[in-house]
Amino acid sequence: MPWATPDSLAPASCGFVLAASGRKYATAAEAAARSLRQSNPDFEVDIFTDQEVDAGLFGQVHKLDKSWFRPKFEALIRSRFDRTIYLDVDLVVLGDMSDVFFILGKYDIAAVQATNRNQGFAWKPWRLPLPNAFPQINGGMIAIRRSEAMQQFLAGCQQAMVDHGLKRDQPVFREMLWTSDLRLHILPPEYNVRNRTLWQYGGSKFAAPRVLHHTGFVARMKDDRTPVRPEQIYGRGFVKHVKRLIAADRQLTPGAKGSVPAPQYDNILFRGRDWLEAKFGGKKKG
């Protein structure tokens, strides 16, 4: 770990959990676990699933009590760790996440806010009108510290989803956080990158992504057994750029020196715009 770990933060008390219902999601979970084992080797990764998975990738494999589209709540409630980082399966973990466990020494829950907050699903509340300054958090990466209050909160969210037949958990999570006494810490966006724009057009002045999160890791699977590689989602150029950013990130890579410039897209963009205007929107000459 590139940062100082307090003695009280034993790896045995901290860990990652994934949850997967159905074969396709279980395959994506195996790929996510491989990335976790490479980027965060000091911590165990558990899975809660209704499928057979490669047990060698996980610390423990737990059978889901309920197979449904939101198994995250069961995974969080049943986690054996005192401090848990839950991750969706449609992502790849590229950087060290251990500092999030340290955050849980002070806060009950840590997560990243939803990025595209002007979309209907992101700004519409559940029951209570809530201020825009308290937006939804993205449920694809949630870190929690176990306590009785946390268990009650998670069970309440899960029960609300069931009782009201809801298809999205983020509005429920937002409202129940608002009405709770749990201490919430908002993590920087690099801990759950849903919109790559900042890094696609930025250099190493920005902190490197820790997690790249995209629905395509499941949606673009051609069959139930073949995982999607990051290059198939983001392109080889962007993945190489992210790796260079990680190598230059002084928080992730001790002794990192130098800088990574922002990719030079301008000429390509302007040439493309000129061609489109000339072909479809430009004035005829002569």
Protein backbone atom coordinates (compact mmCIF):
# COMPACT_ATOMS: atom_id res chain seq x y z
CA MET A 1 0.00 0.00 0.00
CA PRO A 2 1.42 3.44 -0.91
CA TRP A 3 -0.03 5.07 2.22
CA ALA A 4 0.57 4.36 5.92
CA THR A 5 -1.83 1.73 7.31
CA PRO A 6 -2.69 2.04 11.01
CA ASP A 7 -2.11 -1.08 13.13
CA SER A 8 -5.84 -1.29 13.90
CA LEU A 9 -6.65 -1.76 10.21
CA ALA A 10 -5.92 -5.46 9.84
CA PRO A 11 -6.57 -6.89 6.36
CA ALA A 12 -8.55 -9.74 7.95
CA SER A 13 -11.19 -7.24 9.13
CA CYS A 14 -11.53 -5.63 5.69
CA GLY A 15 -12.57 -7.09 2.37
CA PHE A 16 -14.44 -6.80 -0.91
CA VAL A 17 -17.77 -8.40 -1.76
CA LEU A 18 -19.42 -8.99 -5.12
CA ALA A 19 -22.95 -10.22 -5.83
CA ALA A 20 -24.24 -11.96 -8.95
CA SER A 21 -27.59 -13.44 -9.96
CA GLY A 22 -27.52 -15.44 -13.18
CA ARG A 23 -24.73 -16.93 -15.25
CA LYS A 24 -23.83 -13.81 -17.23
CA TYR A 25 -23.38 -11.71 -14.10
CA ALA A 26 -21.38 -14.48 -12.44
CA THR A 27 -18.98 -14.53 -15.39
CA ALA A 28 -18.56 -10.77 -15.15
CA ALA A 29 -17.99 -11.15 -11.40
CA GLU A 30 -15.12 -13.58 -12.04
CA ALA A 31 -13.48 -11.02 -14.35
CA ALA A 32 -13.97 -8.26 -11.76
CA ALA A 33 -12.45 -10.51 -9.08
CA ARG A 34 -9.37 -11.11 -11.25
CA SER A 35 -8.82 -7.38 -11.52
CA LEU A 36 -9.25 -7.02 -7.76
CA ARG A 37 -6.76 -9.79 -6.98
CA GLN A 38 -4.21 -8.03 -9.17
CA SER A 39 -4.77 -4.48 -7.95
CA ASN A 40 -5.61 -5.17 -4.28
CA PRO A 41 -3.81 -8.41 -3.40
CA ASP A 42 -3.78 -7.84 0.37
CA PHE A 43 -7.55 -8.25 0.76
CA GLU A 44 -9.94 -11.12 0.23
CA VAL A 45 -12.81 -11.01 -2.24
CA ASP A 46 -16.06 -12.81 -1.43
CA ILE A 47 -19.01 -13.43 -3.72
CA PHE A 48 -22.70 -13.99 -3.07
CA THR A 49 -24.24 -15.81 -6.02
CA ASP A 50 -26.70 -18.43 -7.24
CA GLN A 51 -24.18 -19.80 -9.76
CA GLU A 52 -21.16 -22.07 -9.79
CA VAL A 53 -18.01 -19.91 -9.95
CA ASP A 54 -14.26 -20.40 -9.91
CA ALA A 55 -13.72 -20.74 -6.17
CA GLY A 56 -10.00 -20.07 -6.59
CA LEU A 57 -10.79 -16.43 -7.34
CA PHE A 58 -12.62 -15.84 -4.06
CA GLY A 59 -11.94 -16.01 -0.35
CA GLN A 60 -15.41 -17.45 0.24
CA VAL A 61 -18.35 -18.26 -2.03
CA HIS A 62 -21.75 -17.69 -0.41
CA LYS A 63 -25.04 -18.96 -1.83
CA LEU A 64 -27.67 -16.26 -2.15
CA ASP A 65 -30.79 -16.73 -0.08
CA LYS A 66 -32.76 -14.77 -2.69
CA SER A 67 -32.02 -14.68 -6.42
CA TRP A 68 -33.14 -11.30 -7.69
CA PHE A 69 -31.82 -8.31 -9.57
CA ARG A 70 -30.56 -6.48 -6.47
CA PRO A 71 -28.44 -9.00 -4.54
CA LYS A 72 -26.15 -6.20 -3.31
CA PHE A 73 -28.19 -5.71 -0.14
CA GLU A 74 -27.90 -9.35 0.89
CA ALA A 75 -24.17 -9.23 0.15
CA LEU A 76 -23.69 -6.12 2.28
CA ILE A 77 -25.85 -7.41 5.14
CA ARG A 78 -24.19 -10.83 5.25
CA SER A 79 -20.60 -9.64 4.69
CA ARG A 80 -18.19 -11.25 7.15
CA PHE A 81 -15.95 -8.18 7.18
CA ASP A 82 -16.05 -5.33 9.68
CA ARG A 83 -15.32 -2.94 6.82
CA THR A 84 -16.67 -3.89 3.42
CA ILE A 85 -16.31 -2.49 -0.07
CA TYR A 86 -19.15 -3.74 -2.25
CA LEU A 87 -18.65 -3.58 -6.01
CA ASP A 88 -20.97 -4.26 -8.93
CA VAL A 89 -19.68 -6.85 -11.38
CA ASP A 90 -19.75 -4.62 -14.50
CA LEU A 91 -16.43 -2.96 -13.77
CA VAL A 92 -12.66 -3.36 -13.63
CA VAL A 93 -10.52 -2.34 -10.65
CA LEU A 94 -7.19 -0.85 -11.70
CA GLY A 95 -5.86 0.87 -8.59
CA ASP A 96 -5.33 0.39 -4.87
CA MET A 97 -8.56 0.88 -2.87
CA SER A 98 -7.21 0.23 0.63
CA ASP A 99 -7.48 3.88 1.69
CA VAL A 100 -11.28 3.53 1.53
CA PHE A 101 -11.08 1.06 4.42
CA PHE A 102 -9.23 3.74 6.38
CA ILE A 103 -12.07 6.21 5.66
CA LEU A 104 -14.48 3.75 7.29
CA GLY A 105 -12.66 4.32 10.58
CA LYS A 106 -14.43 7.69 10.77
CA TYR A 107 -17.48 7.33 8.53
CA ASP A 108 -20.22 4.71 8.34
CA ILE A 109 -20.56 4.72 4.57
CA ALA A 110 -18.53 5.99 1.62
CA ALA A 111 -19.49 6.19 -2.04
CA VAL A 112 -19.33 8.33 -5.18
CA GLN A 113 -22.22 10.53 -6.28
CA ALA A 114 -24.16 9.68 -9.41
CA THR A 115 -22.48 11.47 -12.32
CA ASN A 116 -25.18 12.12 -14.92
CA ARG A 117 -27.52 13.77 -12.45
CA ASN A 118 -29.72 15.55 -14.99
CA GLN A 119 -31.19 12.29 -16.24
CA GLY A 120 -34.66 11.44 -14.99
CA PHE A 121 -33.65 8.35 -13.07
CA ALA A 122 -30.92 10.30 -11.25
CA TRP A 123 -32.80 13.36 -10.03
CA LYS A 124 -36.30 11.98 -9.34
CA PRO A 125 -36.83 11.34 -5.62
CA TRP A 126 -38.66 8.38 -4.15
CA ARG A 127 -41.17 9.81 -1.65
CA LEU A 128 -39.62 12.94 -0.15
CA PRO A 129 -38.61 16.09 -2.06
CA LEU A 130 -34.87 16.30 -1.47
CA PRO A 131 -32.41 19.09 -2.26
CA ASN A 132 -30.32 18.79 -5.40
CA ALA A 133 -27.27 19.36 -3.21
CA PHE A 134 -27.91 15.89 -1.71
CA PRO A 135 -27.97 13.80 -4.89
CA GLN A 136 -28.11 10.06 -5.41
CA ILE A 137 -24.97 8.06 -4.92
CA ASN A 138 -24.01 5.43 -7.46
CA GLY A 139 -24.71 2.01 -5.99
CA GLY A 140 -21.98 0.27 -7.96
CA MET A 141 -19.35 0.97 -5.29
CA ILE A 142 -20.45 1.23 -1.67
CA ALA A 143 -18.16 1.00 1.35
CA ILE A 144 -19.69 0.37 4.77
CA ARG A 145 -18.64 -0.14 8.37
CA ARG A 146 -20.63 -2.85 10.11
CA SER A 147 -22.84 -1.77 13.00
CA GLU A 148 -26.36 -2.43 14.24
CA ALA A 149 -27.50 0.88 12.74
CA MET A 150 -25.97 -0.07 9.38
CA GLN A 151 -27.64 -3.49 9.40
CA GLN A 152 -31.01 -1.89 10.08
CA PHE A 153 -30.45 0.66 7.33
CA LEU A 154 -29.54 -1.96 4.71
CA ALA A 155 -32.42 -4.23 5.73
CA GLY A 156 -34.80 -1.27 5.46
CA CYS A 157 -33.58 -0.44 1.95
CA GLN A 158 -33.98 -4.04 0.84
CA GLN A 159 -37.45 -4.35 2.34
CA ALA A 160 -38.59 -1.10 0.70
CA MET A 161 -37.46 -2.44 -2.69
CA VAL A 162 -39.49 -5.60 -2.15
CA ASP A 163 -42.60 -4.01 -0.62
CA HIS A 164 -42.92 -1.31 -3.30
CA GLY A 165 -41.78 -3.40 -6.27
CA LEU A 166 -39.10 -0.87 -7.14
CA LYS A 167 -36.72 -1.36 -10.07
CA ARG A 168 -34.05 1.12 -8.94
CA ASP A 169 -32.42 1.19 -5.54
CA GLN A 170 -30.66 4.56 -5.76
CA PRO A 171 -33.72 6.75 -4.98
CA VAL A 172 -34.47 4.58 -1.93
CA PHE A 173 -30.85 4.67 -0.82
CA ARG A 174 -30.77 8.44 -1.17
CA GLU A 175 -33.92 9.06 0.88
CA MET A 176 -33.07 6.59 3.61
CA LEU A 177 -29.59 8.07 3.93
CA TRP A 178 -31.15 11.51 4.25
CA THR A 179 -33.42 10.40 7.09
CA SER A 180 -30.74 8.36 8.86
CA ASP A 181 -28.01 9.35 11.31
CA LEU A 182 -25.32 7.47 9.38
CA ARG A 183 -22.19 9.43 8.57
CA LEU A 184 -21.69 9.59 4.81
CA HIS A 185 -18.39 10.41 3.08
CA ILE A 186 -18.45 11.29 -0.62
CA LEU A 187 -15.44 9.79 -2.37
CA PRO A 188 -13.70 11.50 -5.31
CA PRO A 189 -15.00 10.41 -8.74
CA GLU A 190 -11.90 8.34 -9.59
CA TYR A 191 -13.10 5.67 -7.14
CA ASN A 192 -16.08 4.82 -9.37
CA VAL A 193 -15.66 6.21 -12.89
CA ARG A 194 -18.98 6.13 -14.73
CA ASN A 195 -18.20 9.01 -17.08
CA ARG A 196 -14.71 8.89 -18.58
CA THR A 197 -14.70 12.44 -20.01
CA LEU A 198 -12.42 13.89 -17.31
CA TRP A 199 -9.72 11.32 -18.01
CA GLN A 200 -10.27 11.02 -21.74
CA TYR A 201 -9.31 14.67 -22.18
CA GLY A 202 -7.07 15.10 -19.13
CA GLY A 203 -3.52 14.30 -18.16
CA SER A 204 -1.81 13.33 -14.92
CA LYS A 205 -2.82 16.51 -13.10
CA PHE A 206 -5.97 14.50 -12.39
CA ALA A 207 -5.87 11.51 -10.03
CA ALA A 208 -5.93 8.26 -12.01
CA PRO A 209 -9.08 6.11 -12.09
CA ARG A 210 -9.26 3.35 -9.52
CA VAL A 211 -12.41 1.76 -10.95
CA LEU A 212 -13.83 1.86 -14.48
CA HIS A 213 -17.55 1.06 -14.27
CA HIS A 214 -19.62 0.43 -17.40
CA THR A 215 -22.80 -1.55 -18.08
CA GLY A 216 -21.16 -2.87 -21.23
CA PHE A 217 -19.12 -5.34 -19.18
CA VAL A 218 -22.37 -7.34 -18.98
CA ALA A 219 -24.52 -5.94 -21.78
CA ARG A 220 -21.90 -6.55 -24.48
CA MET A 221 -21.15 -10.14 -23.56
CA LYS A 222 -21.62 -12.36 -26.63
CA ASP A 223 -22.33 -15.42 -24.50
CA ASP A 224 -22.69 -16.31 -20.82
CA ARG A 225 -19.11 -17.52 -20.40
CA THR A 226 -16.91 -14.99 -22.21
CA PRO A 227 -16.15 -11.80 -20.26
CA VAL A 228 -15.74 -8.43 -21.95
CA ARG A 229 -12.27 -6.88 -21.84
CA PRO A 230 -11.84 -3.18 -20.96
CA GLU A 231 -10.40 -2.52 -24.43
CA GLN A 232 -13.71 -3.64 -25.95
CA ILE A 233 -15.53 -0.98 -23.92
CA TYR A 234 -13.13 1.95 -23.89
CA GLY A 235 -10.75 1.27 -26.77
CA ARG A 236 -7.08 0.37 -26.57
CA GLY A 237 -5.90 3.98 -26.64
CA PHE A 238 -7.91 5.01 -23.59
CA VAL A 239 -6.92 1.91 -21.59
CA LYS A 240 -3.23 2.60 -22.35
CA HIS A 241 -3.72 6.23 -21.30
CA VAL A 242 -5.27 5.14 -17.98
CA LYS A 243 -2.36 2.79 -17.31
CA ARG A 244 0.05 5.68 -17.90
CA LEU A 245 -2.00 7.84 -15.52
CA ILE A 246 -1.78 5.14 -12.84
CA ALA A 247 1.99 4.89 -13.28
CA ALA A 248 2.25 8.68 -12.84
CA ASP A 249 -0.18 8.93 -9.91
CA ARG A 250 1.87 9.75 -6.80
CA GLN A 251 -0.92 8.43 -4.56
CA LEU A 252 -0.98 5.04 -6.28
CA THR A 253 2.60 4.57 -7.41
CA PRO A 254 5.26 5.42 -4.80
CA GLY A 255 8.17 7.30 -6.33
CA ALA A 256 6.24 8.23 -9.47
CA LYS A 257 7.89 11.04 -11.39
CA GLY A 258 7.15 13.00 -14.49
CA SER A 259 3.75 13.68 -15.98
CA VAL A 260 1.36 12.39 -18.61
CA PRO A 261 -0.01 14.98 -21.06
CA ALA A 262 -3.63 15.16 -22.07
CA PRO A 263 -4.37 13.25 -25.30
CA GLN A 264 -4.32 15.45 -28.38
CA TYR A 265 -7.80 15.11 -29.83
CA ASP A 266 -8.28 18.69 -31.09
CA ASN A 267 -6.94 18.27 -34.61
CA ILE A 268 -9.00 15.14 -35.17
CA LEU A 269 -12.13 16.79 -33.81
CA PHE A 270 -11.75 19.93 -35.89
CA ARG A 271 -10.93 18.02 -39.07
CA GLY A 272 -14.01 15.92 -38.55
CA ARG A 273 -16.17 18.99 -37.95
CA ASP A 274 -14.85 20.73 -41.07
CA TRP A 275 -15.59 17.66 -43.17
CA LEU A 276 -19.15 17.37 -41.81
CA GLU A 277 -19.87 21.04 -42.39
CA ALA A 278 -18.45 20.89 -45.89
CA LYS A 279 -20.49 17.84 -46.79
CA PHE A 280 -23.79 18.54 -45.08
CA GLY A 281 -23.96 22.07 -43.73
CA GLY A 282 -21.51 24.25 -45.61
CA LYS A 283 -22.34 26.85 -48.22
CA LYS A 284 -21.80 25.96 -51.85
CA LYS A 285 -18.99 27.81 -53.53
CA GLY A 286 -19.33 29.72 -56.79
